[in-house]
Amino acid sequence: MERHASTVVSEASPEATRGDSRSPESVREPRFTRGVNVFAEGSVLVEMGNTRVVCTATVEDRVPQWMRGSGLGWVTAEYQMLPRATKERTPRESEQGKVQGRTAEIKRLIGRALRSVVRRDLMGEYLVIVDCDVLQADGGTRTASISGAMVALYDAFAYMVREGLCEEIPLLDLCAAVSVGIVDGLPLLDLTYEEDSRAEVDMNVVMAGSGKIIEVQGTAEGLPFSKRELDELLGLAEWGIVAIMDAQRKALGIEAPPGGTVEVSLPGRLFPYRSGLPQPPPIPTPAR
């Protein structure tokens, strides 16, 4: 059994369509509906095909005890799937008396992704908690959660600016995520549950607006994969994340900086960072 890495997605035949009629290099249409929770400082419903996640961001006037007096803020995340997010009911973790390993892993991933683009030195000593609740799961729940959490966090920071809690939106860049994989020997972008369940290679990629990589989670579910295949999957992921970030900006009513990126000087860094977000970040119109 041999898998060839010579497939070029852009040259895939017209017959190489998927169960939802997408081409191999297409993402499901990303939709971000802001302001779905009237109580939260930031909230969004993110939809990627049949995957739907509600992300709510809460601002609290505190930081973890180990950070008190540091002058820095903190961003963390929670993640859970509702019982009927899947075809069969999944018991609530409260029924089982413990947090499952998958849940703990995903919430840490979301928190790391968000913190990588946050200017915690500009937050003040405030804590933002982003809760990601999966309403319906059809593959890519963790990546949809990251992309939605970014929009909810942006709105929460905008709330902080309007309330005088910080002077500017403390974001260095946007971030978003997407899944990629190899199914039946063909590299695919934004896998559905059905595709993910039979993938030979399964990968989740998180990137910043600058195009830099935040995190890559990749596993050979079947045969090992080559560096050439890895490079092709990363290229697919970047293509998809650009589309998702365009949808994020559209939902927030902001534009990319002229030329695509802008230089940002950071304390303690010799070289500036090239951000895909205007600096200082624009304040969006409130969602409600």
C-alpha atoms as a PDB file:
ATOM      1  CA  MET A   1       0.000   0.000   0.000  1.00  0.00           C
ATOM      2  CA  GLU A   2       1.527   3.301  -1.064  1.00  0.00           C
ATOM      3  CA  ARG A   3       0.320   6.864  -0.857  1.00  0.00           C
ATOM      4  CA  HIS A   4       1.763   9.360  -3.335  1.00  0.00           C
ATOM      5  CA  ALA A   5       2.397  12.957  -2.364  1.00  0.00           C
ATOM      6  CA  SER A   6       2.321  14.176  -5.944  1.00  0.00           C
ATOM      7  CA  THR A   7      -1.315  15.286  -5.855  1.00  0.00           C
ATOM      8  CA  VAL A   8      -1.646  19.005  -6.496  1.00  0.00           C
ATOM      9  CA  VAL A   9      -4.965  20.216  -5.136  1.00  0.00           C
ATOM     10  CA  SER A  10      -5.335  23.067  -7.616  1.00  0.00           C
ATOM     11  CA  GLU A  11      -5.158  20.521 -10.434  1.00  0.00           C
ATOM     12  CA  ALA A  12      -7.729  18.152  -8.928  1.00  0.00           C
ATOM     13  CA  SER A  13     -10.225  16.825 -11.439  1.00  0.00           C
ATOM     14  CA  PRO A  14     -13.769  18.222 -11.459  1.00  0.00           C
ATOM     15  CA  GLU A  15     -14.892  14.808 -10.175  1.00  0.00           C
ATOM     16  CA  ALA A  16     -12.811  15.280  -7.013  1.00  0.00           C
ATOM     17  CA  THR A  17     -15.706  16.776  -5.062  1.00  0.00           C
ATOM     18  CA  ARG A  18     -16.790  15.888  -1.545  1.00  0.00           C
ATOM     19  CA  GLY A  19     -20.005  14.853   0.138  1.00  0.00           C
ATOM     20  CA  ASP A  20     -21.086  18.492   0.541  1.00  0.00           C
ATOM     21  CA  SER A  21     -20.063  19.302  -3.075  1.00  0.00           C
ATOM     22  CA  ARG A  22     -16.991  21.304  -2.061  1.00  0.00           C
ATOM     23  CA  SER A  23     -13.703  21.064  -3.915  1.00  0.00           C
ATOM     24  CA  PRO A  24     -10.714  19.710  -1.944  1.00  0.00           C
ATOM     25  CA  GLU A  25      -9.300  23.212  -1.319  1.00  0.00           C
ATOM     26  CA  SER A  26     -12.550  24.841  -0.140  1.00  0.00           C
ATOM     27  CA  VAL A  27     -13.633  25.726   3.388  1.00  0.00           C
ATOM     28  CA  ARG A  28     -17.229  25.601   4.487  1.00  0.00           C
ATOM     29  CA  GLU A  29     -18.611  29.145   4.454  1.00  0.00           C
ATOM     30  CA  PRO A  30     -17.520  30.812   7.717  1.00  0.00           C
ATOM     31  CA  ARG A  31     -20.283  32.783   9.429  1.00  0.00           C
ATOM     32  CA  PHE A  32     -19.838  34.945  12.519  1.00  0.00           C
ATOM     33  CA  THR A  33     -22.954  36.395  14.172  1.00  0.00           C
ATOM     34  CA  ARG A  34     -21.955  38.846  16.901  1.00  0.00           C
ATOM     35  CA  GLY A  35     -23.956  39.841  19.950  1.00  0.00           C
ATOM     36  CA  VAL A  36     -25.876  36.586  20.422  1.00  0.00           C
ATOM     37  CA  ASN A  37     -25.684  36.897  24.225  1.00  0.00           C
ATOM     38  CA  VAL A  38     -27.084  40.156  25.629  1.00  0.00           C
ATOM     39  CA  PHE A  39     -25.250  39.757  28.957  1.00  0.00           C
ATOM     40  CA  ALA A  40     -21.716  38.912  27.805  1.00  0.00           C
ATOM     41  CA  GLU A  41     -19.102  41.579  27.072  1.00  0.00           C
ATOM     42  CA  GLY A  42     -18.372  39.757  23.809  1.00  0.00           C
ATOM     43  CA  SER A  43     -20.266  36.960  22.101  1.00  0.00           C
ATOM     44  CA  VAL A  44     -20.534  35.292  18.716  1.00  0.00           C
ATOM     45  CA  LEU A  45     -22.165  32.317  17.037  1.00  0.00           C
ATOM     46  CA  VAL A  46     -19.640  30.795  14.645  1.00  0.00           C
ATOM     47  CA  GLU A  47     -20.874  28.425  11.936  1.00  0.00           C
ATOM     48  CA  MET A  48     -18.721  26.303   9.672  1.00  0.00           C
ATOM     49  CA  GLY A  49     -21.185  24.191   7.708  1.00  0.00           C
ATOM     50  CA  ASN A  50     -23.093  22.110  10.241  1.00  0.00           C
ATOM     51  CA  THR A  51     -20.622  22.846  13.023  1.00  0.00           C
ATOM     52  CA  ARG A  52     -21.980  25.582  15.291  1.00  0.00           C
ATOM     53  CA  VAL A  53     -20.300  27.007  18.387  1.00  0.00           C
ATOM     54  CA  VAL A  54     -21.369  29.831  20.721  1.00  0.00           C
ATOM     55  CA  CYS A  55     -18.404  31.763  22.143  1.00  0.00           C
ATOM     56  CA  THR A  56     -18.933  34.219  25.015  1.00  0.00           C
ATOM     57  CA  ALA A  57     -16.240  36.441  26.528  1.00  0.00           C
ATOM     58  CA  THR A  58     -16.518  37.639  30.135  1.00  0.00           C
ATOM     59  CA  VAL A  59     -14.411  40.454  31.627  1.00  0.00           C
ATOM     60  CA  GLU A  60     -13.590  40.183  35.336  1.00  0.00           C
ATOM     61  CA  ASP A  61     -11.771  42.677  37.555  1.00  0.00           C
ATOM     62  CA  ARG A  62      -9.148  40.223  38.758  1.00  0.00           C
ATOM     63  CA  VAL A  63      -6.271  38.064  37.606  1.00  0.00           C
ATOM     64  CA  PRO A  64      -5.058  34.677  38.846  1.00  0.00           C
ATOM     65  CA  GLN A  65      -3.389  34.946  42.241  1.00  0.00           C
ATOM     66  CA  TRP A  66       0.051  34.225  40.844  1.00  0.00           C
ATOM     67  CA  MET A  67      -0.249  37.294  38.561  1.00  0.00           C
ATOM     68  CA  ARG A  68      -1.341  39.877  41.129  1.00  0.00           C
ATOM     69  CA  GLY A  69       0.820  42.997  41.079  1.00  0.00           C
ATOM     70  CA  SER A  70       2.363  42.151  37.710  1.00  0.00           C
ATOM     71  CA  GLY A  71       0.399  44.798  35.779  1.00  0.00           C
ATOM     72  CA  LEU A  72      -0.472  42.138  33.201  1.00  0.00           C
ATOM     73  CA  GLY A  73      -3.851  40.792  32.178  1.00  0.00           C
ATOM     74  CA  TRP A  74      -4.782  37.197  31.445  1.00  0.00           C
ATOM     75  CA  VAL A  75      -6.955  35.410  28.883  1.00  0.00           C
ATOM     76  CA  THR A  76      -8.203  31.874  29.362  1.00  0.00           C
ATOM     77  CA  ALA A  77     -10.795  29.627  27.736  1.00  0.00           C
ATOM     78  CA  GLU A  78     -13.307  26.887  28.481  1.00  0.00           C
ATOM     79  CA  TYR A  79     -14.757  24.348  26.044  1.00  0.00           C
ATOM     80  CA  GLN A  80     -17.585  21.867  26.138  1.00  0.00           C
ATOM     81  CA  MET A  81     -19.935  20.038  23.820  1.00  0.00           C
ATOM     82  CA  LEU A  82     -23.640  20.044  24.593  1.00  0.00           C
ATOM     83  CA  PRO A  83     -25.113  16.548  25.026  1.00  0.00           C
ATOM     84  CA  ARG A  84     -26.911  16.492  21.661  1.00  0.00           C
ATOM     85  CA  ALA A  85     -24.178  18.228  19.685  1.00  0.00           C
ATOM     86  CA  THR A  86     -23.623  14.795  18.157  1.00  0.00           C
ATOM     87  CA  LYS A  87     -25.866  12.118  16.609  1.00  0.00           C
ATOM     88  CA  GLU A  88     -26.113  10.295  19.916  1.00  0.00           C
ATOM     89  CA  ARG A  89     -26.391  11.982  23.293  1.00  0.00           C
ATOM     90  CA  THR A  90     -23.069  12.404  25.093  1.00  0.00           C
ATOM     91  CA  PRO A  91     -23.397  12.513  28.905  1.00  0.00           C
ATOM     92  CA  ARG A  92     -22.512  15.842  30.484  1.00  0.00           C
ATOM     93  CA  GLU A  93     -19.127  15.793  32.125  1.00  0.00           C
ATOM     94  CA  SER A  94     -20.803  16.897  35.361  1.00  0.00           C
ATOM     95  CA  GLU A  95     -22.665  13.571  35.268  1.00  0.00           C
ATOM     96  CA  GLN A  96     -19.359  11.737  35.052  1.00  0.00           C
ATOM     97  CA  GLY A  97     -17.783  13.765  37.829  1.00  0.00           C
ATOM     98  CA  LYS A  98     -14.650  14.811  35.942  1.00  0.00           C
ATOM     99  CA  VAL A  99     -13.400  16.800  32.954  1.00  0.00           C
ATOM    100  CA  GLN A 100     -12.471  14.529  30.075  1.00  0.00           C
ATOM    101  CA  GLY A 101      -8.936  14.634  28.676  1.00  0.00           C
ATOM    102  CA  ARG A 102     -10.120  15.832  25.256  1.00  0.00           C
ATOM    103  CA  THR A 103     -12.001  18.754  26.819  1.00  0.00           C
ATOM    104  CA  ALA A 104      -9.008  19.799  28.914  1.00  0.00           C
ATOM    105  CA  GLU A 105      -6.680  19.584  25.910  1.00  0.00           C
ATOM    106  CA  ILE A 106      -8.958  21.682  23.692  1.00  0.00           C
ATOM    107  CA  LYS A 107      -9.590  24.430  26.238  1.00  0.00           C
ATOM    108  CA  ARG A 108      -5.841  24.792  26.774  1.00  0.00           C
ATOM    109  CA  LEU A 109      -5.331  24.976  22.996  1.00  0.00           C
ATOM    110  CA  ILE A 110      -7.913  27.766  22.669  1.00  0.00           C
ATOM    111  CA  GLY A 111      -6.356  29.719  25.537  1.00  0.00           C
ATOM    112  CA  ARG A 112      -2.831  29.401  24.102  1.00  0.00           C
ATOM    113  CA  ALA A 113      -3.993  30.497  20.663  1.00  0.00           C
ATOM    114  CA  LEU A 114      -5.709  33.618  21.998  1.00  0.00           C
ATOM    115  CA  ARG A 115      -2.883  34.633  24.326  1.00  0.00           C
ATOM    116  CA  SER A 116      -0.380  34.431  21.474  1.00  0.00           C
ATOM    117  CA  VAL A 117      -1.964  37.535  19.874  1.00  0.00           C
ATOM    118  CA  VAL A 118      -2.903  39.464  23.040  1.00  0.00           C
ATOM    119  CA  ARG A 119      -0.891  42.419  24.368  1.00  0.00           C
ATOM    120  CA  ARG A 120      -1.293  41.496  28.026  1.00  0.00           C
ATOM    121  CA  ASP A 121       0.831  44.495  28.994  1.00  0.00           C
ATOM    122  CA  LEU A 122      -1.941  46.749  27.663  1.00  0.00           C
ATOM    123  CA  MET A 123      -4.829  44.940  29.378  1.00  0.00           C
ATOM    124  CA  GLY A 124      -4.288  46.044  32.945  1.00  0.00           C
ATOM    125  CA  GLU A 125      -4.948  43.455  35.628  1.00  0.00           C
ATOM    126  CA  TYR A 126      -8.153  42.101  34.121  1.00  0.00           C
ATOM    127  CA  LEU A 127      -9.152  38.554  33.332  1.00  0.00           C
ATOM    128  CA  VAL A 128     -11.085  37.586  30.186  1.00  0.00           C
ATOM    129  CA  ILE A 129     -12.681  34.142  30.127  1.00  0.00           C
ATOM    130  CA  VAL A 130     -13.912  32.861  26.763  1.00  0.00           C
ATOM    131  CA  ASP A 131     -16.455  30.029  26.971  1.00  0.00           C
ATOM    132  CA  CYS A 132     -16.868  27.921  23.825  1.00  0.00           C
ATOM    133  CA  ASP A 133     -20.017  25.779  23.812  1.00  0.00           C
ATOM    134  CA  VAL A 134     -20.537  23.443  20.864  1.00  0.00           C
ATOM    135  CA  LEU A 135     -24.191  23.404  19.812  1.00  0.00           C
ATOM    136  CA  GLN A 136     -23.698  21.045  16.874  1.00  0.00           C
ATOM    137  CA  ALA A 137     -20.606  19.093  15.846  1.00  0.00           C
ATOM    138  CA  ASP A 138     -19.745  18.095  12.294  1.00  0.00           C
ATOM    139  CA  GLY A 139     -15.956  18.165  12.460  1.00  0.00           C
ATOM    140  CA  GLY A 140     -13.584  21.013  13.325  1.00  0.00           C
ATOM    141  CA  THR A 141     -15.160  22.038  16.634  1.00  0.00           C
ATOM    142  CA  ARG A 142     -11.837  23.070  18.187  1.00  0.00           C
ATOM    143  CA  THR A 143     -10.775  25.100  15.160  1.00  0.00           C
ATOM    144  CA  ALA A 144     -14.188  26.777  14.874  1.00  0.00           C
ATOM    145  CA  SER A 145     -13.992  27.551  18.602  1.00  0.00           C
ATOM    146  CA  ILE A 146     -10.637  29.312  18.167  1.00  0.00           C
ATOM    147  CA  SER A 147     -11.891  31.391  15.232  1.00  0.00           C
ATOM    148  CA  GLY A 148     -15.100  32.324  17.053  1.00  0.00           C
ATOM    149  CA  ALA A 149     -13.335  32.991  20.355  1.00  0.00           C
ATOM    150  CA  MET A 150     -11.125  35.519  18.553  1.00  0.00           C
ATOM    151  CA  VAL A 151     -14.181  37.559  17.497  1.00  0.00           C
ATOM    152  CA  ALA A 152     -15.778  37.350  20.958  1.00  0.00           C
ATOM    153  CA  LEU A 153     -12.483  38.408  22.556  1.00  0.00           C
ATOM    154  CA  TYR A 154     -12.159  41.375  20.186  1.00  0.00           C
ATOM    155  CA  ASP A 155     -15.634  42.562  21.209  1.00  0.00           C
ATOM    156  CA  ALA A 156     -14.798  42.098  24.894  1.00  0.00           C
ATOM    157  CA  PHE A 157     -11.680  44.228  24.478  1.00  0.00           C
ATOM    158  CA  ALA A 158     -13.730  46.871  22.641  1.00  0.00           C
ATOM    159  CA  TYR A 159     -16.083  46.903  25.650  1.00  0.00           C
ATOM    160  CA  MET A 160     -13.093  47.467  27.942  1.00  0.00           C
ATOM    161  CA  VAL A 161     -11.989  50.463  25.867  1.00  0.00           C
ATOM    162  CA  ARG A 162     -15.482  51.989  25.856  1.00  0.00           C
ATOM    163  CA  GLU A 163     -15.717  51.527  29.640  1.00  0.00           C
ATOM    164  CA  GLY A 164     -12.304  53.106  30.202  1.00  0.00           C
ATOM    165  CA  LEU A 165     -10.700  49.895  31.502  1.00  0.00           C
ATOM    166  CA  CYS A 166      -7.876  50.120  28.963  1.00  0.00           C
ATOM    167  CA  GLU A 167      -6.754  52.760  26.476  1.00  0.00           C
ATOM    168  CA  GLU A 168      -6.723  50.666  23.302  1.00  0.00           C
ATOM    169  CA  ILE A 169      -7.705  47.194  22.150  1.00  0.00           C
ATOM    170  CA  PRO A 170      -4.813  45.064  23.457  1.00  0.00           C
ATOM    171  CA  LEU A 171      -4.418  42.867  20.409  1.00  0.00           C
ATOM    172  CA  LEU A 172      -1.270  42.307  18.415  1.00  0.00           C
ATOM    173  CA  ASP A 173      -3.021  40.388  15.645  1.00  0.00           C
ATOM    174  CA  LEU A 174      -5.980  38.201  14.773  1.00  0.00           C
ATOM    175  CA  CYS A 175      -5.841  34.425  14.917  1.00  0.00           C
ATOM    176  CA  ALA A 176      -7.909  31.683  13.316  1.00  0.00           C
ATOM    177  CA  ALA A 177      -7.724  27.933  12.823  1.00  0.00           C
ATOM    178  CA  VAL A 178      -8.774  25.203  10.405  1.00  0.00           C
ATOM    179  CA  SER A 179      -8.442  21.461   9.985  1.00  0.00           C
ATOM    180  CA  VAL A 180      -6.709  19.749   7.079  1.00  0.00           C
ATOM    181  CA  GLY A 181      -6.082  16.115   6.302  1.00  0.00           C
ATOM    182  CA  ILE A 182      -5.470  13.389   3.766  1.00  0.00           C
ATOM    183  CA  VAL A 183      -8.526  11.309   2.917  1.00  0.00           C
ATOM    184  CA  ASP A 184      -8.384   8.553   0.298  1.00  0.00           C
ATOM    185  CA  GLY A 185      -4.953   9.860  -0.687  1.00  0.00           C
ATOM    186  CA  LEU A 186      -6.207  13.392  -1.361  1.00  0.00           C
ATOM    187  CA  PRO A 187      -5.319  16.476   0.739  1.00  0.00           C
ATOM    188  CA  LEU A 188      -8.511  18.150   1.963  1.00  0.00           C
ATOM    189  CA  LEU A 189      -9.260  21.447   3.683  1.00  0.00           C
ATOM    190  CA  ASP A 190     -11.765  21.865   6.549  1.00  0.00           C
ATOM    191  CA  LEU A 191     -12.792  18.276   7.211  1.00  0.00           C
ATOM    192  CA  THR A 192     -16.333  17.250   8.102  1.00  0.00           C
ATOM    193  CA  TYR A 193     -16.874  14.571  10.748  1.00  0.00           C
ATOM    194  CA  GLU A 194     -17.333  11.908   8.084  1.00  0.00           C
ATOM    195  CA  GLU A 195     -14.048  12.884   6.398  1.00  0.00           C
ATOM    196  CA  ASP A 196     -12.199  13.189   9.698  1.00  0.00           C
ATOM    197  CA  SER A 197     -13.333   9.734  10.827  1.00  0.00           C
ATOM    198  CA  ARG A 198     -11.588   8.061   7.862  1.00  0.00           C
ATOM    199  CA  ALA A 199      -8.633  10.425   7.415  1.00  0.00           C
ATOM    200  CA  GLU A 200      -5.198   8.912   6.912  1.00  0.00           C
ATOM    201  CA  VAL A 201      -3.663  12.144   8.209  1.00  0.00           C
ATOM    202  CA  ASP A 202      -5.487  14.560  10.509  1.00  0.00           C
ATOM    203  CA  MET A 203      -4.137  18.021  11.320  1.00  0.00           C
ATOM    204  CA  ASN A 204      -5.286  21.229  13.030  1.00  0.00           C
ATOM    205  CA  VAL A 205      -3.465  24.459  12.220  1.00  0.00           C
ATOM    206  CA  VAL A 206      -3.664  27.790  14.056  1.00  0.00           C
ATOM    207  CA  MET A 207      -2.207  30.912  12.424  1.00  0.00           C
ATOM    208  CA  ALA A 208      -1.969  34.636  13.088  1.00  0.00           C
ATOM    209  CA  GLY A 209      -3.016  37.337  10.631  1.00  0.00           C
ATOM    210  CA  SER A 210       0.648  37.832   9.766  1.00  0.00           C
ATOM    211  CA  GLY A 211       0.698  34.307   8.330  1.00  0.00           C
ATOM    212  CA  LYS A 212       2.883  33.035  11.164  1.00  0.00           C
ATOM    213  CA  ILE A 213       2.081  29.684  12.723  1.00  0.00           C
ATOM    214  CA  ILE A 214       0.765  29.548  16.276  1.00  0.00           C
ATOM    215  CA  GLU A 215       0.234  25.811  16.631  1.00  0.00           C
ATOM    216  CA  VAL A 216       0.150  22.656  14.522  1.00  0.00           C
ATOM    217  CA  GLN A 217      -1.399  19.405  15.734  1.00  0.00           C
ATOM    218  CA  GLY A 218      -0.841  16.604  13.254  1.00  0.00           C
ATOM    219  CA  THR A 219      -1.222  12.833  13.427  1.00  0.00           C
ATOM    220  CA  ALA A 220      -0.794   9.974  10.982  1.00  0.00           C
ATOM    221  CA  GLU A 221      -3.938   7.953  11.601  1.00  0.00           C
ATOM    222  CA  GLY A 222      -2.793   5.463   8.975  1.00  0.00           C
ATOM    223  CA  LEU A 223       0.485   5.552   7.081  1.00  0.00           C
ATOM    224  CA  PRO A 224       3.212   8.043   8.082  1.00  0.00           C
ATOM    225  CA  PHE A 225       3.237  11.169   5.944  1.00  0.00           C
ATOM    226  CA  SER A 226       6.107  12.922   4.202  1.00  0.00           C
ATOM    227  CA  LYS A 227       7.453  16.437   4.634  1.00  0.00           C
ATOM    228  CA  ARG A 228       6.150  17.200   1.157  1.00  0.00           C
ATOM    229  CA  GLU A 229       2.663  16.222   2.248  1.00  0.00           C
ATOM    230  CA  LEU A 230       3.085  18.259   5.434  1.00  0.00           C
ATOM    231  CA  ASP A 231       4.052  21.324   3.395  1.00  0.00           C
ATOM    232  CA  GLU A 232       1.036  20.836   1.126  1.00  0.00           C
ATOM    233  CA  LEU A 233      -1.307  20.556   4.106  1.00  0.00           C
ATOM    234  CA  LEU A 234       0.145  23.702   5.686  1.00  0.00           C
ATOM    235  CA  GLY A 235      -0.356  25.529   2.397  1.00  0.00           C
ATOM    236  CA  LEU A 236      -3.982  24.380   2.302  1.00  0.00           C
ATOM    237  CA  ALA A 237      -4.473  25.500   5.902  1.00  0.00           C
ATOM    238  CA  GLU A 238      -3.051  28.943   5.189  1.00  0.00           C
ATOM    239  CA  TRP A 239      -5.396  29.280   2.201  1.00  0.00           C
ATOM    240  CA  GLY A 240      -8.374  28.412   4.376  1.00  0.00           C
ATOM    241  CA  ILE A 241      -7.362  30.608   7.295  1.00  0.00           C
ATOM    242  CA  VAL A 242      -7.131  33.634   4.986  1.00  0.00           C
ATOM    243  CA  ALA A 243     -10.792  33.057   4.064  1.00  0.00           C
ATOM    244  CA  ILE A 244     -11.794  32.652   7.701  1.00  0.00           C
ATOM    245  CA  MET A 245      -9.975  35.852   8.707  1.00  0.00           C
ATOM    246  CA  ASP A 246     -11.681  37.743   5.902  1.00  0.00           C
ATOM    247  CA  ALA A 247     -14.998  36.629   7.438  1.00  0.00           C
ATOM    248  CA  GLN A 248     -13.801  37.666  10.919  1.00  0.00           C
ATOM    249  CA  ARG A 249     -12.892  41.147   9.679  1.00  0.00           C
ATOM    250  CA  LYS A 250     -16.185  41.473   7.816  1.00  0.00           C
ATOM    251  CA  ALA A 251     -18.134  40.541  10.952  1.00  0.00           C
ATOM    252  CA  LEU A 252     -16.182  43.061  13.018  1.00  0.00           C
ATOM    253  CA  GLY A 253     -16.369  45.761  10.334  1.00  0.00           C
ATOM    254  CA  ILE A 254     -12.597  46.233  10.158  1.00  0.00           C
ATOM    255  CA  GLU A 255     -10.122  46.098   7.288  1.00  0.00           C
ATOM    256  CA  ALA A 256      -6.649  44.693   6.893  1.00  0.00           C
ATOM    257  CA  PRO A 257      -3.851  47.288   7.009  1.00  0.00           C
ATOM    258  CA  PRO A 258      -2.630  48.692   3.668  1.00  0.00           C
ATOM    259  CA  GLY A 259      -0.234  46.209   2.121  1.00  0.00           C
ATOM    260  CA  GLY A 260      -1.629  43.387   4.270  1.00  0.00           C
ATOM    261  CA  THR A 261       0.616  43.819   7.311  1.00  0.00           C
ATOM    262  CA  VAL A 262       2.024  46.577   9.498  1.00  0.00           C
ATOM    263  CA  GLU A 263       5.163  46.666  11.667  1.00  0.00           C
ATOM    264  CA  VAL A 264       4.665  46.691  15.438  1.00  0.00           C
ATOM    265  CA  SER A 265       7.537  47.353  17.846  1.00  0.00           C
ATOM    266  CA  LEU A 266       7.290  45.284  21.012  1.00  0.00           C
ATOM    267  CA  PRO A 267       9.092  45.746  24.345  1.00  0.00           C
ATOM    268  CA  GLY A 268      12.034  43.383  24.694  1.00  0.00           C
ATOM    269  CA  ARG A 269      12.044  42.346  21.024  1.00  0.00           C
ATOM    270  CA  LEU A 270      14.906  43.303  18.755  1.00  0.00           C
ATOM    271  CA  PHE A 271      12.878  43.034  15.565  1.00  0.00           C
ATOM    272  CA  PRO A 272       9.354  44.354  14.979  1.00  0.00           C
ATOM    273  CA  TYR A 273       6.405  42.029  14.485  1.00  0.00           C
ATOM    274  CA  ARG A 274       4.465  42.236  11.234  1.00  0.00           C
ATOM    275  CA  SER A 275       0.772  42.227  12.141  1.00  0.00           C
ATOM    276  CA  GLY A 276      -2.223  41.547   9.944  1.00  0.00           C
ATOM    277  CA  LEU A 277      -4.251  43.932  12.140  1.00  0.00           C
ATOM    278  CA  PRO A 278      -4.096  47.747  11.986  1.00  0.00           C
ATOM    279  CA  GLN A 279      -2.332  49.264  15.005  1.00  0.00           C
ATOM    280  CA  PRO A 280      -3.865  50.404  17.230  1.00  0.00           C
ATOM    281  CA  PRO A 281      -6.700  48.021  16.359  1.00  0.00           C
ATOM    282  CA  PRO A 282      -9.906  49.803  15.316  1.00  0.00           C
ATOM    283  CA  ILE A 283     -12.893  49.728  17.665  1.00  0.00           C
ATOM    284  CA  PRO A 284     -15.834  47.976  15.985  1.00  0.00           C
ATOM    285  CA  THR A 285     -19.408  49.184  16.217  1.00  0.00           C
ATOM    286  CA  PRO A 286     -21.127  47.435  19.150  1.00  0.00           C
ATOM    287  CA  ALA A 287     -22.994  44.321  18.058  1.00  0.00           C
ATOM    288  CA  ARG A 288     -26.148  45.400  19.891  1.00  0.00           C
END
